[in-house]
Each structure stands twice: as C-alpha cells, then as structure tokens.
C-alpha cells in the first residue's frame, strides 16, 4: 500500500514531463540565449564606444557630452532589465518586447527626447 508521501512524490514526478514540454519555458531559454550571446555583445560594444567618445569629448571640450550621458543612462537601464530577465529575477521581457527605457525625469539633466 502506498503511503501519502509516495503519492505526493509520484504526482510530482508525473508533472516533470509536462514541464519539459512547456513551450513558454523553452521560448524563454531561446530569448535568454539571444540576449546573452548577441544583445550583450552589442551593448558591450556601445558602452566601450561611449566610454571612449565621452573621454575624448571631455578632453577636447572640457565638459561631458550630455546627450551621450542620457543615452548611456538609458543603455544602463536596459542592460539591468535584460540581466534581471535572464537571471529569472523578473518575468518582464526587456526591449524590444517593451518600450526603450525612458529618461529619468528626476534628474536635472535636459531632456532630448
């Protein structure tokens, strides 16, 4: 005769094949891999180019490029949202499945959008 513990674990074992057939989970894996292998490489390139441009702009102009700061702030927000998604800390899909991060209105920086 099966005990209550055996019945509970048996039903859990029958759910495993169902979870393996869940298309939503496999779709998330595909999207996570795209973000990890492609999008982050592009973002890393943009961060590097922005860093160099900002350095030389400050060297030549003596001040920061405010539009570039606004863009990199948005880029940082996007990268954070993407990392939250691929590490299962959020179920909200990042851009382009939602809007590009809006500039932070709390800053006193001028808005260029």
C-alpha atoms as a PDB file:
ATOM      1  CA  UNK A   1       0.000   0.000   0.000  1.00  0.00           C
ATOM      2  CA  UNK A   2       1.390   3.417  -0.961  1.00  0.00           C
ATOM      3  CA  UNK A   3       1.850   5.999   1.727  1.00  0.00           C
ATOM      4  CA  UNK A   4       0.770   9.635   1.405  1.00  0.00           C
ATOM      5  CA  UNK A   5       4.404  10.660   0.835  1.00  0.00           C
ATOM      6  CA  UNK A   6       4.690   8.230  -2.081  1.00  0.00           C
ATOM      7  CA  UNK A   7       1.515   9.570  -3.683  1.00  0.00           C
ATOM      8  CA  UNK A   8       2.710  13.186  -3.399  1.00  0.00           C
ATOM      9  CA  UNK A   9       6.110  12.473  -4.895  1.00  0.00           C
ATOM     10  CA  UNK A  10       4.557  10.310  -7.610  1.00  0.00           C
ATOM     11  CA  UNK A  11       2.303  13.153  -8.809  1.00  0.00           C
ATOM     12  CA  UNK A  12       5.288  15.499  -8.757  1.00  0.00           C
ATOM     13  CA  UNK A  13       7.236  13.061 -10.938  1.00  0.00           C
ATOM     14  CA  UNK A  14       4.420  12.961 -13.488  1.00  0.00           C
ATOM     15  CA  UNK A  15       4.483  16.783 -13.724  1.00  0.00           C
ATOM     16  CA  UNK A  16       8.131  16.812 -14.817  1.00  0.00           C
ATOM     17  CA  UNK A  17       7.459  15.570 -18.381  1.00  0.00           C
ATOM     18  CA  UNK A  18       4.717  18.222 -18.702  1.00  0.00           C
ATOM     19  CA  UNK A  19       7.158  20.941 -17.678  1.00  0.00           C
ATOM     20  CA  UNK A  20       9.659  19.696 -20.269  1.00  0.00           C
ATOM     21  CA  UNK A  21       7.021  20.167 -22.966  1.00  0.00           C
ATOM     22  CA  UNK A  22       6.187  23.707 -21.837  1.00  0.00           C
ATOM     23  CA  UNK A  23       6.868  25.861 -24.899  1.00  0.00           C
ATOM     24  CA  UNK A  24       6.946  29.060 -22.862  1.00  0.00           C
ATOM     25  CA  UNK A  25       9.928  27.844 -20.833  1.00  0.00           C
ATOM     26  CA  UNK A  26      11.841  26.781 -23.951  1.00  0.00           C
ATOM     27  CA  UNK A  27      10.983  30.089 -25.622  1.00  0.00           C
ATOM     28  CA  UNK A  28      12.383  31.922 -22.632  1.00  0.00           C
ATOM     29  CA  UNK A  29      15.594  29.899 -22.897  1.00  0.00           C
ATOM     30  CA  UNK A  30      15.931  30.864 -26.561  1.00  0.00           C
ATOM     31  CA  UNK A  31      15.376  34.532 -25.742  1.00  0.00           C
ATOM     32  CA  UNK A  32      17.824  34.342 -22.832  1.00  0.00           C
ATOM     33  CA  UNK A  33      20.493  32.906 -25.126  1.00  0.00           C
ATOM     34  CA  UNK A  34      19.890  35.625 -27.724  1.00  0.00           C
ATOM     35  CA  UNK A  35      20.283  38.307 -25.073  1.00  0.00           C
ATOM     36  CA  UNK A  36      23.329  36.637 -23.561  1.00  0.00           C
ATOM     37  CA  UNK A  37      25.152  35.851 -26.816  1.00  0.00           C
ATOM     38  CA  UNK A  38      24.105  38.726 -29.089  1.00  0.00           C
ATOM     39  CA  UNK A  39      22.475  41.666 -27.337  1.00  0.00           C
ATOM     40  CA  UNK A  40      25.034  41.907 -24.542  1.00  0.00           C
ATOM     41  CA  UNK A  41      27.872  41.870 -27.079  1.00  0.00           C
ATOM     42  CA  UNK A  42      26.276  44.809 -28.892  1.00  0.00           C
ATOM     43  CA  UNK A  43      25.641  46.578 -25.582  1.00  0.00           C
ATOM     44  CA  UNK A  44      29.249  45.997 -24.532  1.00  0.00           C
ATOM     45  CA  UNK A  45      30.453  47.488 -27.804  1.00  0.00           C
ATOM     46  CA  UNK A  46      28.184  50.521 -27.323  1.00  0.00           C
ATOM     47  CA  UNK A  47      29.424  51.006 -23.758  1.00  0.00           C
ATOM     48  CA  UNK A  48      33.042  50.843 -24.921  1.00  0.00           C
ATOM     49  CA  UNK A  49      32.479  53.296 -27.773  1.00  0.00           C
ATOM     50  CA  UNK A  50      30.541  55.633 -25.476  1.00  0.00           C
ATOM     51  CA  UNK A  51      33.314  55.486 -22.901  1.00  0.00           C
ATOM     52  CA  UNK A  52      35.970  56.413 -25.450  1.00  0.00           C
ATOM     53  CA  UNK A  53      33.882  59.136 -27.064  1.00  0.00           C
ATOM     54  CA  UNK A  54      32.996  60.639 -23.683  1.00  0.00           C
ATOM     55  CA  UNK A  55      36.670  60.607 -22.648  1.00  0.00           C
ATOM     56  CA  UNK A  56      37.854  62.403 -25.775  1.00  0.00           C
ATOM     57  CA  UNK A  57      34.897  64.793 -25.731  1.00  0.00           C
ATOM     58  CA  UNK A  58      35.753  65.830 -22.180  1.00  0.00           C
ATOM     59  CA  UNK A  59      39.446  66.058 -23.059  1.00  0.00           C
ATOM     60  CA  UNK A  60      38.735  68.363 -26.016  1.00  0.00           C
ATOM     61  CA  UNK A  61      35.645  70.288 -24.842  1.00  0.00           C
ATOM     62  CA  UNK A  62      36.321  70.334 -21.107  1.00  0.00           C
ATOM     63  CA  UNK A  63      32.809  69.101 -20.332  1.00  0.00           C
ATOM     64  CA  UNK A  64      30.682  65.984 -20.674  1.00  0.00           C
ATOM     65  CA  UNK A  65      28.506  65.208 -23.687  1.00  0.00           C
ATOM     66  CA  UNK A  66      25.064  65.451 -22.074  1.00  0.00           C
ATOM     67  CA  UNK A  67      23.206  63.648 -24.855  1.00  0.00           C
ATOM     68  CA  UNK A  68      25.640  60.767 -24.633  1.00  0.00           C
ATOM     69  CA  UNK A  69      25.184  60.663 -20.858  1.00  0.00           C
ATOM     70  CA  UNK A  70      21.430  60.464 -21.359  1.00  0.00           C
ATOM     71  CA  UNK A  71      21.835  57.626 -23.875  1.00  0.00           C
ATOM     72  CA  UNK A  72      24.253  55.664 -21.688  1.00  0.00           C
ATOM     73  CA  UNK A  73      21.933  56.093 -18.707  1.00  0.00           C
ATOM     74  CA  UNK A  74      19.139  54.535 -20.778  1.00  0.00           C
ATOM     75  CA  UNK A  75      21.528  51.830 -22.003  1.00  0.00           C
ATOM     76  CA  UNK A  76      22.473  51.015 -18.401  1.00  0.00           C
ATOM     77  CA  UNK A  77      18.778  50.728 -17.511  1.00  0.00           C
ATOM     78  CA  UNK A  78      18.213  48.405 -20.479  1.00  0.00           C
ATOM     79  CA  UNK A  79      21.187  46.206 -19.546  1.00  0.00           C
ATOM     80  CA  UNK A  80      19.924  45.965 -15.967  1.00  0.00           C
ATOM     81  CA  UNK A  81      16.422  44.988 -17.144  1.00  0.00           C
ATOM     82  CA  UNK A  82      17.865  42.358 -19.511  1.00  0.00           C
ATOM     83  CA  UNK A  83      20.047  40.920 -16.740  1.00  0.00           C
ATOM     84  CA  UNK A  84      17.042  40.776 -14.421  1.00  0.00           C
ATOM     85  CA  UNK A  85      15.138  38.808 -17.084  1.00  0.00           C
ATOM     86  CA  UNK A  86      17.836  36.289 -17.994  1.00  0.00           C
ATOM     87  CA  UNK A  87      18.607  35.549 -14.339  1.00  0.00           C
ATOM     88  CA  UNK A  88      14.895  34.928 -13.561  1.00  0.00           C
ATOM     89  CA  UNK A  89      14.676  37.951 -11.255  1.00  0.00           C
ATOM     90  CA  UNK A  90      11.960  39.400 -13.486  1.00  0.00           C
ATOM     91  CA  UNK A  91       9.414  37.973 -15.891  1.00  0.00           C
ATOM     92  CA  UNK A  92       9.147  41.240 -17.833  1.00  0.00           C
ATOM     93  CA  UNK A  93      10.825  40.894 -21.208  1.00  0.00           C
ATOM     94  CA  UNK A  94      13.239  43.741 -21.954  1.00  0.00           C
ATOM     95  CA  UNK A  95      13.366  45.898 -25.082  1.00  0.00           C
ATOM     96  CA  UNK A  96      12.301  45.300 -27.889  1.00  0.00           C
ATOM     97  CA  UNK A  97       9.402  43.477 -26.215  1.00  0.00           C
ATOM     98  CA  UNK A  98       8.644  46.584 -24.176  1.00  0.00           C
ATOM     99  CA  UNK A  99       9.453  50.276 -24.568  1.00  0.00           C
ATOM    100  CA  UNK A 100      13.040  51.506 -24.545  1.00  0.00           C
ATOM    101  CA  UNK A 101      13.852  52.829 -21.070  1.00  0.00           C
ATOM    102  CA  UNK A 102      12.632  56.398 -20.730  1.00  0.00           C
ATOM    103  CA  UNK A 103      14.997  59.075 -19.484  1.00  0.00           C
ATOM    104  CA  UNK A 104      14.857  59.630 -15.753  1.00  0.00           C
ATOM    105  CA  UNK A 105      12.826  62.798 -15.189  1.00  0.00           C
ATOM    106  CA  UNK A 106      14.132  63.099 -11.625  1.00  0.00           C
ATOM    107  CA  UNK A 107      17.473  64.287 -12.957  1.00  0.00           C
ATOM    108  CA  UNK A 108      18.040  67.945 -13.672  1.00  0.00           C
ATOM    109  CA  UNK A 109      19.642  66.946 -16.951  1.00  0.00           C
ATOM    110  CA  UNK A 110      17.986  68.398 -20.040  1.00  0.00           C
ATOM    111  CA  UNK A 111      15.653  66.104 -21.955  1.00  0.00           C
ATOM    112  CA  UNK A 112      16.476  65.496 -25.605  1.00  0.00           C
ATOM    113  CA  UNK A 113      13.533  63.220 -26.373  1.00  0.00           C
END
